[in-house]
């Protein structure tokens, strides 16, 4: 391996490991997804009750992954991934789920999370096959994807005052 290749591989691993969110595009629009970096790959879980995975993210496919900076939010690196869907209860699946479960926040059914993932969800492994630090010159801005999520109530009238109120006794 060349020095540039090793540097690119290290950049992909460190940036993806530190970022809690990656943009994944398989076919169609890219989606922002939470992930866990484990043993040289990004692990994702998606399905009912979890994040929706992008169209085309199937076993054996390729996907484009863009990694953002955790503190600034800007793009750091983009890489191409080989997609592997892990079979429920396989050795690889069990290791992936152990990592994902530890990072899954606010699960409605934490006590039976792994059973639900095995029966209803997909666990996907994205392994880097190529990297690039040549990021696009354009913003790549796009319309948000359609979603059933809505705000149920208007913002309470007192909230802006609470957020903008200066703390007393601090300079």
N, C-alpha and C. Protein backbone atom coordinates (compact mmCIF):
# COMPACT_ATOMS: atom_id res chain seq x y z
N UNK A 1 0.85 -1.19 0.00
CA UNK A 1 0.00 0.00 0.00
C UNK A 1 0.89 1.24 0.00
N UNK A 2 0.43 2.26 -0.69
CA UNK A 2 1.19 3.50 -0.74
C UNK A 2 0.89 4.35 0.49
N UNK A 3 1.70 5.34 0.70
CA UNK A 3 1.50 6.22 1.84
C UNK A 3 0.18 6.97 1.72
N UNK A 4 -0.17 7.41 0.50
CA UNK A 4 -1.45 8.10 0.30
C UNK A 4 -2.63 7.19 0.60
N UNK A 5 -2.51 5.93 0.21
CA UNK A 5 -3.57 4.96 0.45
C UNK A 5 -3.75 4.72 1.95
N UNK A 6 -2.65 4.57 2.66
CA UNK A 6 -2.71 4.37 4.11
C UNK A 6 -3.27 5.59 4.82
N UNK A 7 -2.87 6.78 4.36
CA UNK A 7 -3.38 8.01 4.94
C UNK A 7 -4.89 8.13 4.71
N UNK A 8 -5.32 7.82 3.49
CA UNK A 8 -6.75 7.86 3.18
C UNK A 8 -7.54 6.88 4.01
N UNK A 9 -7.02 5.68 4.18
CA UNK A 9 -7.68 4.66 4.99
C UNK A 9 -7.79 5.12 6.45
N UNK A 10 -6.72 5.70 6.97
CA UNK A 10 -6.75 6.19 8.35
C UNK A 10 -7.74 7.34 8.51
N UNK A 11 -7.80 8.23 7.51
CA UNK A 11 -8.75 9.35 7.54
C UNK A 11 -10.18 8.84 7.54
N UNK A 12 -10.47 7.87 6.68
CA UNK A 12 -11.82 7.29 6.63
C UNK A 12 -12.19 6.69 7.98
N UNK A 13 -11.29 5.91 8.55
CA UNK A 13 -11.59 5.25 9.82
C UNK A 13 -11.77 6.24 10.96
N UNK A 14 -10.85 7.16 11.11
CA UNK A 14 -10.94 8.11 12.23
C UNK A 14 -12.15 9.04 12.10
N UNK A 15 -12.37 9.57 10.90
CA UNK A 15 -13.49 10.50 10.71
C UNK A 15 -14.81 9.78 10.92
N UNK A 16 -14.95 8.58 10.39
CA UNK A 16 -16.21 7.84 10.52
C UNK A 16 -16.42 7.41 11.96
N UNK A 17 -15.37 7.01 12.62
CA UNK A 17 -15.46 6.57 14.02
C UNK A 17 -15.93 7.71 14.92
N UNK A 18 -15.45 8.92 14.67
CA UNK A 18 -15.77 10.06 15.54
C UNK A 18 -17.10 10.71 15.20
N UNK A 19 -17.56 10.56 13.98
CA UNK A 19 -18.82 11.18 13.58
C UNK A 19 -19.96 10.25 13.96
N UNK A 20 -20.97 10.78 14.58
CA UNK A 20 -22.13 9.96 14.94
C UNK A 20 -23.11 9.83 13.81
N UNK A 21 -22.87 10.54 12.71
CA UNK A 21 -23.82 10.59 11.61
C UNK A 21 -23.07 10.54 10.29
N UNK A 22 -23.53 9.71 9.36
CA UNK A 22 -22.97 9.66 8.01
C UNK A 22 -24.11 9.79 7.02
N UNK A 23 -23.78 10.31 5.84
CA UNK A 23 -24.75 10.39 4.75
C UNK A 23 -24.48 9.23 3.82
N UNK A 24 -25.50 8.41 3.57
CA UNK A 24 -25.35 7.22 2.75
C UNK A 24 -26.26 7.31 1.53
N UNK A 25 -25.66 7.06 0.35
CA UNK A 25 -26.42 7.05 -0.90
C UNK A 25 -26.13 5.73 -1.61
N UNK A 26 -27.20 4.97 -1.86
CA UNK A 26 -27.05 3.73 -2.62
C UNK A 26 -27.64 3.96 -4.01
N UNK A 27 -28.88 4.34 -4.07
CA UNK A 27 -29.53 4.77 -5.31
C UNK A 27 -30.59 5.76 -4.87
N UNK A 28 -30.75 6.83 -5.60
CA UNK A 28 -31.68 7.85 -5.16
C UNK A 28 -31.03 8.82 -4.21
N UNK A 29 -31.83 9.34 -3.29
CA UNK A 29 -31.35 10.38 -2.38
C UNK A 29 -30.52 9.80 -1.24
N UNK A 30 -29.57 10.60 -0.77
CA UNK A 30 -28.75 10.21 0.38
C UNK A 30 -29.55 10.40 1.65
N UNK A 31 -29.27 9.59 2.63
CA UNK A 31 -29.94 9.70 3.94
C UNK A 31 -28.89 9.85 5.03
N UNK A 32 -29.24 10.67 6.02
CA UNK A 32 -28.39 10.81 7.20
C UNK A 32 -28.72 9.65 8.13
N UNK A 33 -27.70 8.90 8.54
CA UNK A 33 -27.91 7.72 9.36
C UNK A 33 -26.93 7.68 10.53
N UNK A 34 -27.42 7.25 11.69
CA UNK A 34 -26.49 7.02 12.81
C UNK A 34 -25.87 5.65 12.59
N UNK A 35 -24.68 5.49 13.08
CA UNK A 35 -23.94 4.26 12.85
C UNK A 35 -22.97 4.01 13.99
N UNK A 36 -22.33 2.86 13.95
CA UNK A 36 -21.25 2.52 14.86
C UNK A 36 -20.11 1.99 14.01
N UNK A 37 -18.89 2.45 14.28
CA UNK A 37 -17.72 1.93 13.57
C UNK A 37 -17.20 0.75 14.38
N UNK A 38 -17.07 -0.40 13.71
CA UNK A 38 -16.62 -1.61 14.41
C UNK A 38 -15.84 -2.50 13.45
N UNK A 39 -14.63 -2.85 13.83
CA UNK A 39 -13.77 -3.75 13.07
C UNK A 39 -13.66 -3.37 11.59
N UNK A 40 -13.38 -2.09 11.35
CA UNK A 40 -13.10 -1.62 10.00
C UNK A 40 -14.29 -1.36 9.11
N UNK A 41 -15.48 -1.21 9.69
CA UNK A 41 -16.67 -0.95 8.89
C UNK A 41 -17.70 -0.17 9.70
N UNK A 42 -18.61 0.49 8.98
CA UNK A 42 -19.72 1.19 9.62
C UNK A 42 -20.90 0.23 9.69
N UNK A 43 -21.50 0.13 10.86
CA UNK A 43 -22.65 -0.74 11.07
C UNK A 43 -23.91 0.10 11.19
N UNK A 44 -24.96 -0.32 10.50
CA UNK A 44 -26.24 0.40 10.51
C UNK A 44 -27.35 -0.57 10.86
N UNK A 45 -28.40 -0.05 11.47
CA UNK A 45 -29.61 -0.84 11.69
C UNK A 45 -30.77 0.00 11.19
N UNK A 46 -31.70 -0.63 10.49
CA UNK A 46 -32.85 0.10 9.96
C UNK A 46 -34.05 -0.82 9.82
N UNK A 47 -35.21 -0.21 9.86
CA UNK A 47 -36.45 -0.96 9.71
C UNK A 47 -37.53 -0.36 10.59
N UNK A 48 -38.62 -1.08 10.82
CA UNK A 48 -39.71 -0.55 11.66
C UNK A 48 -39.22 -0.20 13.06
N UNK A 49 -39.50 1.01 13.47
CA UNK A 49 -39.06 1.49 14.79
C UNK A 49 -37.63 1.98 14.81
N UNK A 50 -36.95 1.90 13.68
CA UNK A 50 -35.57 2.37 13.57
C UNK A 50 -35.48 3.33 12.39
N UNK A 51 -34.28 3.75 12.06
CA UNK A 51 -34.09 4.68 10.95
C UNK A 51 -34.39 4.00 9.62
N UNK A 52 -34.95 4.75 8.67
CA UNK A 52 -35.17 4.16 7.34
C UNK A 52 -33.85 4.14 6.56
N UNK A 53 -33.52 3.00 6.00
CA UNK A 53 -32.31 2.88 5.20
C UNK A 53 -32.61 3.32 3.77
N UNK A 54 -31.62 3.86 3.07
CA UNK A 54 -31.86 4.33 1.69
C UNK A 54 -32.19 3.19 0.74
N UNK A 55 -32.91 3.53 -0.32
CA UNK A 55 -33.22 2.55 -1.36
C UNK A 55 -31.93 2.05 -1.98
N UNK A 56 -31.89 0.80 -2.33
CA UNK A 56 -30.73 0.24 -3.00
C UNK A 56 -29.63 -0.25 -2.07
N UNK A 57 -29.82 -0.11 -0.78
CA UNK A 57 -28.80 -0.56 0.17
C UNK A 57 -29.02 -2.06 0.43
N UNK A 58 -28.58 -2.86 -0.55
CA UNK A 58 -28.80 -4.30 -0.50
C UNK A 58 -27.48 -5.04 -0.49
N UNK A 59 -27.55 -6.29 -0.11
CA UNK A 59 -26.36 -7.13 -0.02
C UNK A 59 -25.64 -7.18 -1.36
N UNK A 60 -24.35 -6.91 -1.36
CA UNK A 60 -23.54 -6.95 -2.57
C UNK A 60 -23.49 -5.64 -3.35
N UNK A 61 -24.30 -4.66 -2.96
CA UNK A 61 -24.32 -3.37 -3.67
C UNK A 61 -23.15 -2.50 -3.22
N UNK A 62 -23.01 -1.37 -3.88
CA UNK A 62 -22.04 -0.34 -3.48
C UNK A 62 -22.83 0.87 -3.01
N UNK A 63 -22.26 1.61 -2.08
CA UNK A 63 -22.91 2.81 -1.57
C UNK A 63 -21.85 3.89 -1.38
N UNK A 64 -22.27 5.13 -1.56
CA UNK A 64 -21.41 6.27 -1.30
C UNK A 64 -21.66 6.77 0.11
N UNK A 65 -20.61 7.00 0.85
CA UNK A 65 -20.72 7.47 2.24
C UNK A 65 -19.98 8.79 2.36
N UNK A 66 -20.65 9.79 2.90
CA UNK A 66 -20.02 11.08 3.17
C UNK A 66 -20.01 11.29 4.68
N UNK A 67 -18.85 11.61 5.21
CA UNK A 67 -18.68 11.76 6.65
C UNK A 67 -18.59 13.24 6.99
N UNK A 68 -19.29 13.63 8.02
CA UNK A 68 -19.28 15.02 8.46
C UNK A 68 -18.46 15.17 9.73
N UNK A 69 -18.02 16.39 9.97
CA UNK A 69 -17.31 16.70 11.19
C UNK A 69 -18.31 16.76 12.34
N UNK A 70 -17.98 16.14 13.45
CA UNK A 70 -18.90 16.12 14.59
C UNK A 70 -19.08 17.51 15.19
N UNK A 71 -18.02 18.32 15.20
CA UNK A 71 -18.13 19.63 15.84
C UNK A 71 -18.59 20.73 14.88
N UNK A 72 -18.16 20.72 13.64
CA UNK A 72 -18.52 21.79 12.70
C UNK A 72 -19.64 21.40 11.74
N UNK A 73 -19.84 20.10 11.52
CA UNK A 73 -20.90 19.65 10.64
C UNK A 73 -20.55 19.63 9.17
N UNK A 74 -19.37 20.08 8.79
CA UNK A 74 -18.97 20.09 7.38
C UNK A 74 -18.44 18.73 6.93
N UNK A 75 -18.43 18.51 5.63
CA UNK A 75 -17.92 17.25 5.08
C UNK A 75 -16.42 17.13 5.30
N UNK A 76 -15.98 15.96 5.70
CA UNK A 76 -14.55 15.70 5.89
C UNK A 76 -14.01 14.79 4.80
N UNK A 77 -14.71 13.68 4.58
CA UNK A 77 -14.23 12.68 3.62
C UNK A 77 -15.43 11.95 3.04
N UNK A 78 -15.25 11.47 1.82
CA UNK A 78 -16.26 10.64 1.18
C UNK A 78 -15.60 9.32 0.80
N UNK A 79 -16.34 8.23 0.93
CA UNK A 79 -15.78 6.93 0.57
C UNK A 79 -16.86 6.03 -0.01
N UNK A 80 -16.40 5.04 -0.76
CA UNK A 80 -17.29 4.06 -1.37
C UNK A 80 -17.26 2.80 -0.51
N UNK A 81 -18.45 2.24 -0.29
CA UNK A 81 -18.57 1.08 0.59
C UNK A 81 -19.15 -0.11 -0.14
N UNK A 82 -18.70 -1.25 0.28
CA UNK A 82 -19.30 -2.52 -0.12
C UNK A 82 -20.36 -2.83 0.94
N UNK A 83 -21.57 -3.16 0.49
CA UNK A 83 -22.68 -3.39 1.42
C UNK A 83 -22.84 -4.88 1.68
N UNK A 84 -22.96 -5.24 2.94
CA UNK A 84 -23.24 -6.63 3.32
C UNK A 84 -24.36 -6.62 4.36
N UNK A 85 -25.44 -7.32 4.06
CA UNK A 85 -26.52 -7.45 5.03
C UNK A 85 -26.22 -8.67 5.88
N UNK A 86 -26.20 -8.48 7.19
CA UNK A 86 -25.82 -9.56 8.09
C UNK A 86 -27.04 -10.43 8.42
N UNK A 87 -26.86 -11.74 8.35
CA UNK A 87 -27.95 -12.68 8.64
C UNK A 87 -28.22 -12.69 10.14
N UNK A 88 -29.50 -12.58 10.53
CA UNK A 88 -29.84 -12.59 11.95
C UNK A 88 -29.27 -13.81 12.68
N UNK A 89 -28.72 -13.53 13.85
CA UNK A 89 -28.17 -14.52 14.77
C UNK A 89 -26.89 -15.20 14.27
N UNK A 90 -26.31 -14.71 13.17
CA UNK A 90 -25.00 -15.22 12.77
C UNK A 90 -23.97 -14.63 13.72
N UNK A 91 -22.78 -15.18 13.70
CA UNK A 91 -21.72 -14.69 14.59
C UNK A 91 -21.41 -13.22 14.31
N UNK A 92 -21.35 -12.85 13.03
CA UNK A 92 -21.08 -11.47 12.64
C UNK A 92 -22.22 -10.55 13.09
N UNK A 93 -23.47 -11.01 12.95
CA UNK A 93 -24.65 -10.24 13.34
C UNK A 93 -24.64 -10.00 14.85
N UNK A 94 -24.35 -11.04 15.63
CA UNK A 94 -24.32 -10.92 17.09
C UNK A 94 -23.28 -9.88 17.54
N UNK A 95 -22.10 -9.90 16.92
CA UNK A 95 -21.07 -8.92 17.27
C UNK A 95 -21.51 -7.51 16.90
N UNK A 96 -22.12 -7.37 15.72
CA UNK A 96 -22.60 -6.05 15.28
C UNK A 96 -23.69 -5.53 16.18
N UNK A 97 -24.64 -6.38 16.53
CA UNK A 97 -25.77 -5.97 17.37
C UNK A 97 -25.30 -5.58 18.77
N UNK A 98 -24.29 -6.27 19.28
CA UNK A 98 -23.75 -5.91 20.60
C UNK A 98 -23.21 -4.49 20.58
N UNK A 99 -22.53 -4.10 19.49
CA UNK A 99 -22.01 -2.74 19.37
C UNK A 99 -23.14 -1.73 19.16
N UNK A 100 -24.07 -2.04 18.26
CA UNK A 100 -25.18 -1.13 17.95
C UNK A 100 -26.07 -0.90 19.16
N UNK A 101 -26.35 -1.96 19.90
CA UNK A 101 -27.26 -1.87 21.06
C UNK A 101 -26.72 -0.89 22.10
N UNK A 102 -25.41 -0.88 22.27
CA UNK A 102 -24.79 0.03 23.23
C UNK A 102 -24.92 1.49 22.85
N UNK A 103 -25.09 1.78 21.57
CA UNK A 103 -25.19 3.16 21.10
C UNK A 103 -26.62 3.58 20.78
N UNK A 104 -27.57 2.65 20.83
CA UNK A 104 -28.96 2.97 20.50
C UNK A 104 -29.58 3.71 21.67
N UNK A 105 -29.96 4.97 21.42
CA UNK A 105 -30.54 5.81 22.46
C UNK A 105 -32.05 5.76 22.42
N UNK A 106 -32.68 5.81 23.56
CA UNK A 106 -34.13 5.93 23.70
C UNK A 106 -34.92 4.85 22.98
N UNK A 107 -34.45 3.64 23.03
CA UNK A 107 -35.19 2.54 22.40
C UNK A 107 -36.48 2.30 23.19
N UNK A 108 -37.62 2.21 22.52
CA UNK A 108 -38.88 2.01 23.23
C UNK A 108 -38.98 0.64 23.89
N UNK A 109 -38.23 -0.32 23.40
CA UNK A 109 -38.30 -1.69 23.91
C UNK A 109 -36.89 -2.24 24.16
N UNK A 110 -36.14 -1.58 25.01
CA UNK A 110 -34.74 -1.93 25.23
C UNK A 110 -34.56 -3.38 25.67
N UNK A 111 -35.50 -3.92 26.41
CA UNK A 111 -35.34 -5.29 26.92
C UNK A 111 -35.48 -6.35 25.82
N UNK A 112 -36.18 -6.06 24.73
CA UNK A 112 -36.33 -7.03 23.64
C UNK A 112 -35.83 -6.46 22.30
N UNK A 113 -34.90 -5.55 22.40
CA UNK A 113 -34.38 -4.86 21.21
C UNK A 113 -33.77 -5.83 20.20
N UNK A 114 -32.91 -6.73 20.65
CA UNK A 114 -32.25 -7.63 19.71
C UNK A 114 -33.24 -8.59 19.04
N UNK A 115 -34.26 -9.02 19.74
CA UNK A 115 -35.27 -9.89 19.13
C UNK A 115 -36.02 -9.14 18.03
N UNK A 116 -36.36 -7.87 18.29
CA UNK A 116 -37.06 -7.06 17.29
C UNK A 116 -36.16 -6.83 16.07
N UNK A 117 -34.88 -6.54 16.31
CA UNK A 117 -33.97 -6.34 15.19
C UNK A 117 -33.85 -7.61 14.36
N UNK A 118 -33.82 -8.77 15.02
CA UNK A 118 -33.69 -10.04 14.29
C UNK A 118 -34.93 -10.32 13.44
N UNK A 119 -36.11 -9.99 13.95
CA UNK A 119 -37.34 -10.34 13.23
C UNK A 119 -37.80 -9.27 12.25
N UNK A 120 -37.61 -7.98 12.58
CA UNK A 120 -38.22 -6.91 11.78
C UNK A 120 -37.23 -6.00 11.06
N UNK A 121 -35.97 -5.96 11.48
CA UNK A 121 -35.03 -4.96 10.97
C UNK A 121 -33.90 -5.59 10.18
N UNK A 122 -33.11 -4.72 9.58
CA UNK A 122 -31.93 -5.13 8.83
C UNK A 122 -30.69 -4.54 9.49
N UNK A 123 -29.67 -5.35 9.66
CA UNK A 123 -28.37 -4.88 10.14
C UNK A 123 -27.43 -4.95 8.95
N UNK A 124 -26.82 -3.81 8.62
CA UNK A 124 -26.00 -3.68 7.42
C UNK A 124 -24.59 -3.26 7.80
N UNK A 125 -23.63 -3.85 7.10
CA UNK A 125 -22.21 -3.52 7.31
C UNK A 125 -21.71 -2.83 6.05
N UNK A 126 -21.15 -1.62 6.21
CA UNK A 126 -20.56 -0.86 5.10
C UNK A 126 -19.04 -0.88 5.25
N UNK A 127 -18.38 -1.62 4.37
CA UNK A 127 -16.93 -1.76 4.44
C UNK A 127 -16.30 -0.88 3.37
N UNK A 128 -15.37 0.00 3.75
CA UNK A 128 -14.73 0.87 2.75
C UNK A 128 -13.95 0.07 1.70
N UNK A 129 -14.17 0.44 0.44
CA UNK A 129 -13.40 -0.16 -0.66
C UNK A 129 -12.59 0.90 -1.40
N UNK A 130 -13.00 2.15 -1.28
CA UNK A 130 -12.27 3.26 -1.91
C UNK A 130 -12.56 4.52 -1.12
N UNK A 131 -11.60 5.42 -1.11
CA UNK A 131 -11.79 6.69 -0.40
C UNK A 131 -11.36 7.83 -1.30
N UNK A 132 -11.88 8.99 -0.97
CA UNK A 132 -11.47 10.20 -1.67
C UNK A 132 -11.58 11.38 -0.72
N UNK A 133 -10.65 12.28 -0.84
CA UNK A 133 -10.75 13.52 -0.08
C UNK A 133 -11.18 14.65 -0.99
N UNK A 134 -11.39 14.34 -2.28
CA UNK A 134 -11.86 15.35 -3.23
C UNK A 134 -13.37 15.51 -3.06
N UNK A 135 -13.75 16.48 -2.29
CA UNK A 135 -15.16 16.69 -2.03
C UNK A 135 -15.76 17.58 -3.10
N UNK A 136 -17.05 17.48 -3.35
CA UNK A 136 -17.69 18.29 -4.39
C UNK A 136 -17.60 19.77 -4.10
N UNK A 137 -17.59 20.57 -5.17
CA UNK A 137 -17.54 22.02 -5.03
C UNK A 137 -18.90 22.61 -4.70
N UNK A 138 -19.96 21.89 -5.01
CA UNK A 138 -21.32 22.40 -4.75
C UNK A 138 -21.79 21.96 -3.37
N UNK A 139 -22.89 22.53 -2.93
CA UNK A 139 -23.39 22.23 -1.59
C UNK A 139 -24.09 20.89 -1.49
N UNK A 140 -24.56 20.34 -2.60
CA UNK A 140 -25.32 19.11 -2.63
C UNK A 140 -26.65 19.23 -1.88
N UNK A 141 -27.11 20.45 -1.67
CA UNK A 141 -28.38 20.66 -0.97
C UNK A 141 -29.51 20.05 -1.79
N UNK A 142 -30.45 19.46 -1.09
CA UNK A 142 -31.60 18.82 -1.74
C UNK A 142 -32.83 18.99 -0.87
N UNK A 143 -33.99 18.85 -1.48
CA UNK A 143 -35.24 18.91 -0.71
C UNK A 143 -35.25 17.80 0.33
N UNK A 144 -35.76 18.07 1.52
CA UNK A 144 -35.88 17.00 2.52
C UNK A 144 -36.79 15.90 2.02
N UNK A 145 -36.50 14.68 2.41
CA UNK A 145 -37.33 13.55 2.03
C UNK A 145 -38.68 13.62 2.75
N UNK A 146 -39.70 13.10 2.10
CA UNK A 146 -41.04 13.08 2.71
C UNK A 146 -41.02 12.23 3.97
N UNK A 147 -41.75 12.68 4.97
CA UNK A 147 -41.79 11.96 6.24
C UNK A 147 -43.15 12.16 6.91
N UNK A 148 -43.61 11.17 7.65
CA UNK A 148 -44.86 11.34 8.38
C UNK A 148 -44.66 12.12 9.69
N UNK A 149 -43.41 12.40 10.05
CA UNK A 149 -43.13 13.12 11.29
C UNK A 149 -43.59 14.57 11.18
N UNK A 150 -44.31 15.03 12.18
CA UNK A 150 -44.79 16.41 12.21
C UNK A 150 -44.67 16.94 13.62
N UNK A 151 -44.73 18.25 13.74
CA UNK A 151 -44.77 18.87 15.05
C UNK A 151 -46.22 18.83 15.51
N UNK A 152 -46.45 18.31 16.68
CA UNK A 152 -47.81 18.11 17.15
C UNK A 152 -48.45 19.40 17.65
N UNK A 153 -47.66 20.24 18.26
CA UNK A 153 -48.20 21.46 18.86
C UNK A 153 -47.30 22.63 18.51
N UNK A 154 -47.86 23.85 18.52
CA UNK A 154 -46.99 25.01 18.30
C UNK A 154 -46.02 25.19 19.47
N UNK A 155 -44.96 25.92 19.22
CA UNK A 155 -43.97 26.20 20.26
C UNK A 155 -44.65 26.99 21.37
N UNK A 156 -44.44 26.63 22.64
CA UNK A 156 -45.03 27.39 23.74
C UNK A 156 -44.58 28.84 23.71
N UNK A 157 -45.48 29.74 24.07
CA UNK A 157 -45.21 31.18 23.99
C UNK A 157 -44.02 31.60 24.84
N UNK A 158 -43.80 30.96 25.98
CA UNK A 158 -42.71 31.35 26.88
C UNK A 158 -41.35 30.78 26.51
N UNK A 159 -41.28 29.87 25.57
CA UNK A 159 -40.02 29.22 25.24
C UNK A 159 -38.95 30.19 24.72
N UNK A 160 -39.28 31.11 23.81
CA UNK A 160 -38.21 32.03 23.37
C UNK A 160 -37.62 32.83 24.52
N UNK A 161 -38.45 33.25 25.47
CA UNK A 161 -37.93 34.00 26.62
C UNK A 161 -36.99 33.14 27.45
N UNK A 162 -37.34 31.88 27.64
CA UNK A 162 -36.49 30.99 28.42
C UNK A 162 -35.16 30.74 27.72
N UNK A 163 -35.19 30.58 26.42
CA UNK A 163 -33.97 30.31 25.68
C UNK A 163 -33.06 31.52 25.58
N UNK A 164 -33.64 32.69 25.48
CA UNK A 164 -32.84 33.90 25.29
C UNK A 164 -32.54 34.64 26.57
N UNK A 165 -33.11 34.20 27.69
CA UNK A 165 -32.92 34.86 28.97
C UNK A 165 -31.46 34.77 29.42
N UNK A 166 -30.91 35.89 29.83
CA UNK A 166 -29.54 35.91 30.33
C UNK A 166 -29.53 35.32 31.73
N UNK A 167 -28.51 34.53 31.98
CA UNK A 167 -28.39 33.94 33.31
C UNK A 167 -27.89 34.99 34.29
N UNK A 168 -28.56 35.05 35.41
CA UNK A 168 -28.15 36.02 36.43
C UNK A 168 -26.92 35.53 37.16
N UNK A 169 -26.08 36.47 37.52
CA UNK A 169 -24.89 36.16 38.28
C UNK A 169 -23.72 35.66 37.44
N UNK A 170 -23.89 35.61 36.14
CA UNK A 170 -22.78 35.21 35.27
C UNK A 170 -22.40 36.38 34.39
N UNK A 171 -21.14 36.48 34.11
CA UNK A 171 -20.68 37.56 33.24
C UNK A 171 -20.44 37.10 31.86
